[in-house]
Amino acid sequence: MKGLVEYIAKSIVTVPDAVVVTEETTADNNVILKLQVAPEDRGRVIGKQGRVAEAMRTLLRVAAIRGGVRVQLEIL
């Protein structure tokens, strides 16, 4: 799932080298993915009215169901 977020984010942004995705697992088997991008690319990753971010979260939910875990995406 980390690779999926990284691939999508690097495809969207203008500075792909600044994309950093960290993964944390909580005690109740939830996964939190934290996405960091360059300040000038935050708008691209979030999208108008949050549509791009919401689409990324939807894709993650589908991948998480296949893996049997719950996933959250945080854009820092």
C-alpha atoms as a PDB file:
ATOM      1  CA  MET A   1       0.000   0.000   0.000  1.00  0.00           C
ATOM      2  CA  LYS A   2       2.908   2.303   0.689  1.00  0.00           C
ATOM      3  CA  GLY A   3       4.129   1.731  -2.862  1.00  0.00           C
ATOM      4  CA  LEU A   4       0.705   2.572  -4.271  1.00  0.00           C
ATOM      5  CA  VAL A   5       0.574   5.945  -2.513  1.00  0.00           C
ATOM      6  CA  GLU A   6       4.158   6.707  -3.508  1.00  0.00           C
ATOM      7  CA  TYR A   7       3.494   5.849  -7.155  1.00  0.00           C
ATOM      8  CA  ILE A   8       0.353   7.991  -7.366  1.00  0.00           C
ATOM      9  CA  ALA A   9       1.947  10.951  -5.592  1.00  0.00           C
ATOM     10  CA  LYS A  10       5.104  10.888  -7.723  1.00  0.00           C
ATOM     11  CA  SER A  11       2.940  10.833 -10.845  1.00  0.00           C
ATOM     12  CA  ILE A  12       1.061  13.968  -9.798  1.00  0.00           C
ATOM     13  CA  VAL A  13       3.704  16.272  -8.295  1.00  0.00           C
ATOM     14  CA  THR A  14       6.308  18.464 -10.003  1.00  0.00           C
ATOM     15  CA  VAL A  15       9.084  17.518  -7.547  1.00  0.00           C
ATOM     16  CA  PRO A  16       8.895  13.703  -7.301  1.00  0.00           C
ATOM     17  CA  ASP A  17      12.114  13.487  -5.289  1.00  0.00           C
ATOM     18  CA  ALA A  18      10.409  15.289  -2.383  1.00  0.00           C
ATOM     19  CA  VAL A  19       7.719  12.606  -1.972  1.00  0.00           C
ATOM     20  CA  VAL A  20       8.129  10.687   1.285  1.00  0.00           C
ATOM     21  CA  VAL A  21       5.670   8.054   2.502  1.00  0.00           C
ATOM     22  CA  THR A  22       5.996   6.613   5.994  1.00  0.00           C
ATOM     23  CA  GLU A  23       3.984   3.699   7.322  1.00  0.00           C
ATOM     24  CA  GLU A  24       2.940   3.147  10.936  1.00  0.00           C
ATOM     25  CA  THR A  25       1.046   0.184  12.338  1.00  0.00           C
ATOM     26  CA  THR A  26      -1.096   0.703  15.406  1.00  0.00           C
ATOM     27  CA  ALA A  27      -1.771  -1.818  18.153  1.00  0.00           C
ATOM     28  CA  ASP A  28      -5.161  -2.789  16.693  1.00  0.00           C
ATOM     29  CA  ASN A  29      -3.645  -3.659  13.276  1.00  0.00           C
ATOM     30  CA  ASN A  30      -4.542  -0.367  11.574  1.00  0.00           C
ATOM     31  CA  VAL A  31      -2.082   1.143   9.118  1.00  0.00           C
ATOM     32  CA  ILE A  32      -1.464   4.889   8.974  1.00  0.00           C
ATOM     33  CA  LEU A  33       0.292   6.179   5.865  1.00  0.00           C
ATOM     34  CA  LYS A  34       1.767   9.666   6.113  1.00  0.00           C
ATOM     35  CA  LEU A  35       2.473  11.450   2.837  1.00  0.00           C
ATOM     36  CA  GLN A  36       4.890  14.377   2.666  1.00  0.00           C
ATOM     37  CA  VAL A  37       5.395  16.412  -0.499  1.00  0.00           C
ATOM     38  CA  ALA A  38       7.066  19.700  -1.378  1.00  0.00           C
ATOM     39  CA  PRO A  39       5.078  22.752  -0.203  1.00  0.00           C
ATOM     40  CA  GLU A  40       4.310  23.823  -3.773  1.00  0.00           C
ATOM     41  CA  ASP A  41       2.836  20.380  -4.555  1.00  0.00           C
ATOM     42  CA  ARG A  42       0.391  20.104  -1.654  1.00  0.00           C
ATOM     43  CA  GLY A  43      -2.415  21.569  -3.738  1.00  0.00           C
ATOM     44  CA  ARG A  44      -1.844  19.041  -6.496  1.00  0.00           C
ATOM     45  CA  VAL A  45      -1.997  16.110  -4.081  1.00  0.00           C
ATOM     46  CA  ILE A  46      -5.107  17.386  -2.308  1.00  0.00           C
ATOM     47  CA  GLY A  47      -6.888  18.531  -5.486  1.00  0.00           C
ATOM     48  CA  LYS A  48      -9.899  20.776  -5.900  1.00  0.00           C
ATOM     49  CA  GLN A  49     -12.229  20.256  -2.959  1.00  0.00           C
ATOM     50  CA  GLY A  50     -10.071  17.304  -1.879  1.00  0.00           C
ATOM     51  CA  ARG A  51     -11.012  15.120  -4.823  1.00  0.00           C
ATOM     52  CA  VAL A  52      -7.538  13.732  -5.544  1.00  0.00           C
ATOM     53  CA  ALA A  53      -6.895  12.943  -1.876  1.00  0.00           C
ATOM     54  CA  GLU A  54     -10.291  11.289  -1.580  1.00  0.00           C
ATOM     55  CA  ALA A  55      -9.622   9.178  -4.690  1.00  0.00           C
ATOM     56  CA  MET A  56      -6.304   8.043  -3.211  1.00  0.00           C
ATOM     57  CA  ARG A  57      -8.067   7.110   0.034  1.00  0.00           C
ATOM     58  CA  THR A  58     -10.674   5.129  -1.896  1.00  0.00           C
ATOM     59  CA  LEU A  59      -7.993   3.136  -3.720  1.00  0.00           C
ATOM     60  CA  LEU A  60      -6.265   2.472  -0.415  1.00  0.00           C
ATOM     61  CA  ARG A  61      -9.486   1.202   1.140  1.00  0.00           C
ATOM     62  CA  VAL A  62      -9.893  -1.289  -1.704  1.00  0.00           C
ATOM     63  CA  ALA A  63      -6.299  -2.493  -1.308  1.00  0.00           C
ATOM     64  CA  ALA A  64      -6.727  -2.694   2.467  1.00  0.00           C
ATOM     65  CA  ILE A  65      -9.847  -4.838   2.223  1.00  0.00           C
ATOM     66  CA  ARG A  66      -7.875  -7.330   0.164  1.00  0.00           C
ATOM     67  CA  GLY A  67      -5.174  -7.321   2.858  1.00  0.00           C
ATOM     68  CA  GLY A  68      -7.633  -7.514   5.744  1.00  0.00           C
ATOM     69  CA  VAL A  69      -6.506  -4.281   7.452  1.00  0.00           C
ATOM     70  CA  ARG A  70      -7.770  -0.715   7.872  1.00  0.00           C
ATOM     71  CA  VAL A  71      -5.812   2.127   6.310  1.00  0.00           C
ATOM     72  CA  GLN A  72      -5.704   5.881   6.911  1.00  0.00           C
ATOM     73  CA  LEU A  73      -3.926   8.401   4.692  1.00  0.00           C
ATOM     74  CA  GLU A  74      -2.600  11.592   6.232  1.00  0.00           C
ATOM     75  CA  ILE A  75      -1.199  14.350   4.033  1.00  0.00           C
ATOM     76  CA  LEU A  76       1.297  16.374   6.006  1.00  0.00           C
END
